C-alpha atoms as a PDB file:
ATOM      1  CA  MET A   1       6.866  -6.391   1.345  1.00  0.00           C
ATOM      2  CA  SER A   2       4.353  -4.578   3.400  1.00  0.00           C
ATOM      3  CA  ILE A   3       0.900  -3.163   2.788  1.00  0.00           C
ATOM      4  CA  ILE A   4       0.914   0.475   3.832  1.00  0.00           C
ATOM      5  CA  VAL A   5      -0.775   3.769   3.031  1.00  0.00           C
ATOM      6  CA  ALA A   6       1.526   6.452   1.651  1.00  0.00           C
ATOM      7  CA  LYS A   7       0.804  10.132   1.180  1.00  0.00           C
ATOM      8  CA  LEU A   8       2.521  11.163  -2.020  1.00  0.00           C
ATOM      9  CA  GLU A   9       3.927  14.541  -2.954  1.00  0.00           C
ATOM     10  CA  ASN A  10       0.854  15.231  -5.134  1.00  0.00           C
ATOM     11  CA  ASN A  11      -1.402  14.726  -2.048  1.00  0.00           C
ATOM     12  CA  GLN A  12      -2.719  11.334  -3.181  1.00  0.00           C
ATOM     13  CA  HIS A  13      -3.150   8.699  -0.496  1.00  0.00           C
ATOM     14  CA  VAL A  14      -2.118   5.342  -1.982  1.00  0.00           C
ATOM     15  CA  ILE A  15      -2.470   1.910  -0.420  1.00  0.00           C
ATOM     16  CA  ALA A  16      -0.206  -0.751  -1.901  1.00  0.00           C
ATOM     17  CA  ASP A  17       2.156  -3.593  -1.194  1.00  0.00           C
ATOM     18  CA  PHE A  18       5.381  -1.550  -0.997  1.00  0.00           C
ATOM     19  CA  ARG A  19       8.901  -2.871  -1.407  1.00  0.00           C
ATOM     20  CA  GLU A  20      12.226  -1.053  -1.225  1.00  0.00           C
ATOM     21  CA  VAL A  21      14.617  -1.736  -4.099  1.00  0.00           C
ATOM     22  CA  ARG A  22      18.258  -1.197  -3.157  1.00  0.00           C
ATOM     23  CA  THR A  23      21.590  -1.570  -4.893  1.00  0.00           C
ATOM     24  CA  PRO A  24      22.767  -5.188  -4.572  1.00  0.00           C
ATOM     25  CA  LYS A  25      26.093  -6.413  -3.236  1.00  0.00           C
ATOM     26  CA  GLU A  26      28.919  -6.913  -5.716  1.00  0.00           C
ATOM     27  CA  ASP A  27      28.010 -10.598  -6.056  1.00  0.00           C
ATOM     28  CA  GLY A  28      24.430  -9.637  -7.012  1.00  0.00           C
ATOM     29  CA  THR A  29      22.788 -10.743  -3.767  1.00  0.00           C
ATOM     30  CA  PRO A  30      20.366  -8.390  -1.987  1.00  0.00           C
ATOM     31  CA  ASP A  31      21.969  -5.792   0.270  1.00  0.00           C
ATOM     32  CA  PRO A  32      19.606  -4.455   2.955  1.00  0.00           C
ATOM     33  CA  ASP A  33      22.083  -1.625   3.525  1.00  0.00           C
ATOM     34  CA  GLY A  34      22.451  -0.758  -0.158  1.00  0.00           C
ATOM     35  CA  GLU A  35      21.446   2.612  -1.546  1.00  0.00           C
ATOM     36  CA  LEU A  36      17.674   3.002  -1.866  1.00  0.00           C
ATOM     37  CA  LEU A  37      17.009   3.222  -5.611  1.00  0.00           C
ATOM     38  CA  PHE A  38      13.204   3.353  -5.709  1.00  0.00           C
ATOM     39  CA  LEU A  39      10.031   2.065  -4.125  1.00  0.00           C
ATOM     40  CA  GLU A  40       8.007  -0.549  -5.906  1.00  0.00           C
ATOM     41  CA  MET A  41       4.231  -0.539  -5.408  1.00  0.00           C
ATOM     42  CA  PHE A  42       2.240  -3.649  -6.224  1.00  0.00           C
ATOM     43  CA  GLY A  43      -1.508  -3.221  -6.693  1.00  0.00           C
ATOM     44  CA  PRO A  44      -1.694   0.448  -5.748  1.00  0.00           C
ATOM     45  CA  LEU A  45      -5.097   2.012  -5.181  1.00  0.00           C
ATOM     46  CA  VAL A  46      -5.729   5.720  -4.608  1.00  0.00           C
ATOM     47  CA  LEU A  47      -7.894   6.354  -1.544  1.00  0.00           C
ATOM     48  CA  SER A  48     -10.289   9.276  -1.346  1.00  0.00           C
ATOM     49  CA  PHE A  49     -13.452  10.261   0.458  1.00  0.00           C
ATOM     50  CA  ALA A  50     -16.610   9.521  -1.454  1.00  0.00           C
ATOM     51  CA  GLU A  51     -20.030  10.410  -0.112  1.00  0.00           C
ATOM     52  CA  TYR A  52     -20.849  11.443   3.455  1.00  0.00           C
ATOM     53  CA  ILE A  53     -23.442   9.320   5.259  1.00  0.00           C
ATOM     54  CA  GLU A  54     -25.301  11.389   7.837  1.00  0.00           C
ATOM     55  CA  GLU A  55     -26.865   8.412   9.647  1.00  0.00           C
ATOM     56  CA  THR A  56     -23.452   7.026  10.597  1.00  0.00           C
ATOM     57  CA  ASN A  57     -21.582  10.350  10.593  1.00  0.00           C
ATOM     58  CA  GLN A  58     -18.927   8.771   8.352  1.00  0.00           C
ATOM     59  CA  TYR A  59     -17.593   9.001   4.833  1.00  0.00           C
ATOM     60  CA  LYS A  60     -17.481   6.180   2.344  1.00  0.00           C
ATOM     61  CA  VAL A  61     -14.024   5.594   0.917  1.00  0.00           C
ATOM     62  CA  ALA A  62     -13.400   5.367  -2.823  1.00  0.00           C
ATOM     63  CA  TYR A  63     -10.725   2.980  -4.134  1.00  0.00           C
ATOM     64  CA  ASP A  64      -9.442   4.009  -7.562  1.00  0.00           C
ATOM     65  CA  ARG A  65      -6.699   2.437  -9.628  1.00  0.00           C
ATOM     66  CA  TYR A  66      -3.378   4.237  -9.615  1.00  0.00           C
ATOM     67  CA  MET A  67      -2.551   5.065 -13.248  1.00  0.00           C
ATOM     68  CA  PRO A  68      -5.785   3.485 -14.544  1.00  0.00           C
ATOM     69  CA  PHE A  69      -4.670   3.469 -18.181  1.00  0.00           C
ATOM     70  CA  CYS A  70      -1.781   1.090 -17.484  1.00  0.00           C
ATOM     71  CA  LYS A  71      -2.168  -2.685 -17.457  1.00  0.00           C
ATOM     72  CA  ASP A  72       0.845  -3.210 -15.188  1.00  0.00           C
ATOM     73  CA  PRO A  73       0.120  -4.123 -11.559  1.00  0.00           C
ATOM     74  CA  THR A  74       3.510  -2.839 -10.351  1.00  0.00           C
ATOM     75  CA  PHE A  75       4.813   0.736 -10.397  1.00  0.00           C
ATOM     76  CA  ARG A  76       8.082   2.334  -9.336  1.00  0.00           C
ATOM     77  CA  ILE A  77       8.296   5.695  -7.625  1.00  0.00           C
ATOM     78  CA  MET A  78      11.196   7.712  -6.315  1.00  0.00           C
ATOM     79  CA  PRO A  79      11.473   7.704  -2.513  1.00  0.00           C
ATOM     80  CA  ASP A  80      11.469  11.508  -2.329  1.00  0.00           C
ATOM     81  CA  LYS A  81       7.904  11.541  -3.732  1.00  0.00           C
ATOM     82  CA  VAL A  82       6.588   9.964  -0.509  1.00  0.00           C
ATOM     83  CA  LEU A  83       5.795  12.446   2.257  1.00  0.00           C
ATOM     84  CA  SER A  84       4.644  10.000   4.926  1.00  0.00           C
ATOM     85  CA  VAL A  85       3.536   6.413   5.450  1.00  0.00           C
ATOM     86  CA  GLY A  86       1.324   4.588   7.901  1.00  0.00           C
ATOM     87  CA  ARG A  87      -0.607   1.403   8.445  1.00  0.00           C
ATOM     88  CA  ALA A  88      -4.139   1.242   7.087  1.00  0.00           C
ATOM     89  CA  THR A  89      -7.156   0.970   9.332  1.00  0.00           C
ATOM     90  CA  ASN A  90      -8.514  -2.549   9.536  1.00  0.00           C
ATOM     91  CA  GLY A  91     -11.501  -1.800   7.307  1.00  0.00           C
ATOM     92  CA  ILE A  92      -9.347  -0.194   4.612  1.00  0.00           C
ATOM     93  CA  LEU A  93      -6.836  -3.051   4.797  1.00  0.00           C
ATOM     94  CA  LYS A  94      -9.521  -5.744   4.495  1.00  0.00           C
ATOM     95  CA  THR A  95     -11.144  -4.051   1.502  1.00  0.00           C
ATOM     96  CA  TYR A  96      -7.772  -3.580  -0.205  1.00  0.00           C
ATOM     97  CA  VAL A  97      -6.826  -7.244   0.258  1.00  0.00           C
ATOM     98  CA  GLU A  98     -10.209  -8.395  -1.082  1.00  0.00           C
ATOM     99  CA  GLN A  99      -9.833  -6.219  -4.194  1.00  0.00           C
ATOM    100  CA  ILE A 100      -6.163  -6.831  -5.027  1.00  0.00           C
ATOM    101  CA  PHE A 101      -5.659 -10.392  -3.770  1.00  0.00           C
ATOM    102  CA  PRO A 102      -9.012 -12.155  -4.404  1.00  0.00           C
ATOM    103  CA  ASN A 103      -7.256 -15.552  -4.511  1.00  0.00           C
ATOM    104  CA  GLY A 104      -5.357 -15.014  -1.276  1.00  0.00           C
ATOM    105  CA  LEU A 105      -2.147 -13.375  -0.157  1.00  0.00           C
ATOM    106  CA  PRO A 106       1.397 -14.744  -0.422  1.00  0.00           C
ATOM    107  CA  GLU A 107       2.267 -16.529   2.837  1.00  0.00           C
ATOM    108  CA  GLN A 108       4.617 -13.892   4.290  1.00  0.00           C
ATOM    109  CA  LEU A 109       2.252 -11.051   3.450  1.00  0.00           C
ATOM    110  CA  GLN A 110      -0.672 -12.990   4.966  1.00  0.00           C
ATOM    111  CA  LYS A 111       1.261 -13.222   8.249  1.00  0.00           C
ATOM    112  CA  GLU A 112       1.838  -9.461   8.267  1.00  0.00           C
ATOM    113  CA  VAL A 113      -1.815  -8.712   7.511  1.00  0.00           C
ATOM    114  CA  ASP A 114      -3.025 -11.139  10.183  1.00  0.00           C
ATOM    115  CA  GLU A 115      -0.722  -9.529  12.762  1.00  0.00           C
ATOM    116  CA  GLN A 116      -1.981  -6.067  11.917  1.00  0.00           C
ATOM    117  CA  LEU A 117      -5.638  -7.118  12.009  1.00  0.00           C
ATOM    118  CA  ASN A 118      -5.153  -8.905  15.330  1.00  0.00           C
ATOM    119  CA  GLU A 119      -3.786  -5.752  16.952  1.00  0.00           C
ATOM    120  CA  GLY A 120      -7.374  -4.600  17.271  1.00  0.00           C
ATOM    121  CA  GLU A 121      -9.548  -1.954  15.763  1.00  0.00           C
ATOM    122  CA  GLU A 122      -8.567   1.694  15.826  1.00  0.00           C
ATOM    123  CA  LYS A 123      -9.810   3.989  18.514  1.00  0.00           C
END
């Protein structure tokens, strides 16, 4: 699991907790080298520029639900629909976590987020 921003084939920028789902070993246990079947996105939000603020020379960012007419928090996409991935800026990451995980992150994901935030702000 890892919170990343992905640019999809349809030009949407999506932030989500992504997980690779691969074919398991014959005994049913996870196989990190198994064939990549799909990507699972938990809590995906579509990022876009909202209004421009002249005083700060910056844009506000809009966070919209991915597939807003679905009640499911998890979605599967084919790996070939992802053009590129990257880590979110600290501000985007903090806002995402506040919106999707208001009661706190799972322990392992919290460690990853803390590490990314402690790397410092972007230049």
